[in-house]
Amino acid sequence: MAKFRDVKTLQKFAAVHASIHNQFNPGGHLIRRNIFMENRSAALAEWRQLIA
């Protein structure tokens, strides 16, 4: 993520990457809800750390 000079560029890349990953991730529904929530919380914490 250090290769992105601007936060906007990083956010655009993350949005496109996430949408492509979600489209072609066949095993996504196999993740249990509690594990999904933990992963989502970790990702949110990382985003907040990047922005701060």
C-alpha atoms as a PDB file:
ATOM      1  CA  MET A   1       0.000   0.000   0.000  1.00  0.00           C
ATOM      2  CA  ALA A   2       3.006   2.271   0.263  1.00  0.00           C
ATOM      3  CA  LYS A   3       3.082   2.563  -3.532  1.00  0.00           C
ATOM      4  CA  PHE A   4      -0.064   4.711  -3.518  1.00  0.00           C
ATOM      5  CA  ARG A   5       0.717   8.400  -3.209  1.00  0.00           C
ATOM      6  CA  ASP A   6      -2.829   9.544  -2.657  1.00  0.00           C
ATOM      7  CA  VAL A   7      -5.505   8.180  -0.334  1.00  0.00           C
ATOM      8  CA  LYS A   8      -8.119   8.587  -3.078  1.00  0.00           C
ATOM      9  CA  THR A   9      -6.128   6.339  -5.395  1.00  0.00           C
ATOM     10  CA  LEU A  10      -5.791   3.733  -2.670  1.00  0.00           C
ATOM     11  CA  GLN A  11      -9.526   3.843  -1.978  1.00  0.00           C
ATOM     12  CA  LYS A  12     -10.375   3.471  -5.677  1.00  0.00           C
ATOM     13  CA  PHE A  13      -8.025   0.526  -6.003  1.00  0.00           C
ATOM     14  CA  ALA A  14      -9.435  -1.121  -2.886  1.00  0.00           C
ATOM     15  CA  ALA A  15     -13.014  -0.676  -4.100  1.00  0.00           C
ATOM     16  CA  VAL A  16     -12.308  -2.164  -7.530  1.00  0.00           C
ATOM     17  CA  HIS A  17     -10.196  -4.963  -6.078  1.00  0.00           C
ATOM     18  CA  ALA A  18     -12.896  -5.844  -3.543  1.00  0.00           C
ATOM     19  CA  SER A  19     -15.645  -5.935  -6.146  1.00  0.00           C
ATOM     20  CA  ILE A  20     -13.602  -8.185  -8.444  1.00  0.00           C
ATOM     21  CA  HIS A  21     -12.572 -10.416  -5.550  1.00  0.00           C
ATOM     22  CA  ASN A  22     -16.178 -10.737  -4.370  1.00  0.00           C
ATOM     23  CA  GLN A  23     -17.367 -11.553  -7.880  1.00  0.00           C
ATOM     24  CA  PHE A  24     -14.888 -14.377  -8.417  1.00  0.00           C
ATOM     25  CA  ASN A  25     -14.598 -15.739  -4.877  1.00  0.00           C
ATOM     26  CA  PRO A  26     -16.637 -18.968  -4.994  1.00  0.00           C
ATOM     27  CA  GLY A  27     -15.878 -19.981  -1.414  1.00  0.00           C
ATOM     28  CA  GLY A  28     -16.981 -16.723   0.174  1.00  0.00           C
ATOM     29  CA  HIS A  29     -20.249 -18.132   1.418  1.00  0.00           C
ATOM     30  CA  LEU A  30     -18.406 -20.887   3.275  1.00  0.00           C
ATOM     31  CA  ILE A  31     -16.982 -18.449   5.820  1.00  0.00           C
ATOM     32  CA  ARG A  32     -18.833 -18.468   9.100  1.00  0.00           C
ATOM     33  CA  ARG A  33     -20.371 -15.199  10.225  1.00  0.00           C
ATOM     34  CA  ASN A  34     -18.189 -14.774  13.312  1.00  0.00           C
ATOM     35  CA  ILE A  35     -14.998 -15.221  11.274  1.00  0.00           C
ATOM     36  CA  PHE A  36     -16.328 -12.794   8.659  1.00  0.00           C
ATOM     37  CA  MET A  37     -17.080 -10.210  11.338  1.00  0.00           C
ATOM     38  CA  GLU A  38     -13.589 -10.591  12.846  1.00  0.00           C
ATOM     39  CA  ASN A  39     -11.976 -10.142   9.425  1.00  0.00           C
ATOM     40  CA  ARG A  40     -14.146  -7.129   8.684  1.00  0.00           C
ATOM     41  CA  SER A  41     -13.283  -5.531  12.020  1.00  0.00           C
ATOM     42  CA  ALA A  42      -9.580  -6.103  11.382  1.00  0.00           C
ATOM     43  CA  ALA A  43      -9.862  -4.535   7.921  1.00  0.00           C
ATOM     44  CA  LEU A  44     -11.713  -1.525   9.323  1.00  0.00           C
ATOM     45  CA  ALA A  45      -9.054  -1.065  11.996  1.00  0.00           C
ATOM     46  CA  GLU A  46      -6.353  -1.180   9.326  1.00  0.00           C
ATOM     47  CA  TRP A  47      -8.167   1.430   7.231  1.00  0.00           C
ATOM     48  CA  ARG A  48      -8.503   3.711  10.258  1.00  0.00           C
ATOM     49  CA  GLN A  49      -4.802   3.288  10.983  1.00  0.00           C
ATOM     50  CA  LEU A  50      -3.920   4.204   7.385  1.00  0.00           C
ATOM     51  CA  ILE A  51      -6.083   7.301   7.443  1.00  0.00           C
ATOM     52  CA  ALA A  52      -4.798   8.530  10.814  1.00  0.00           C
END
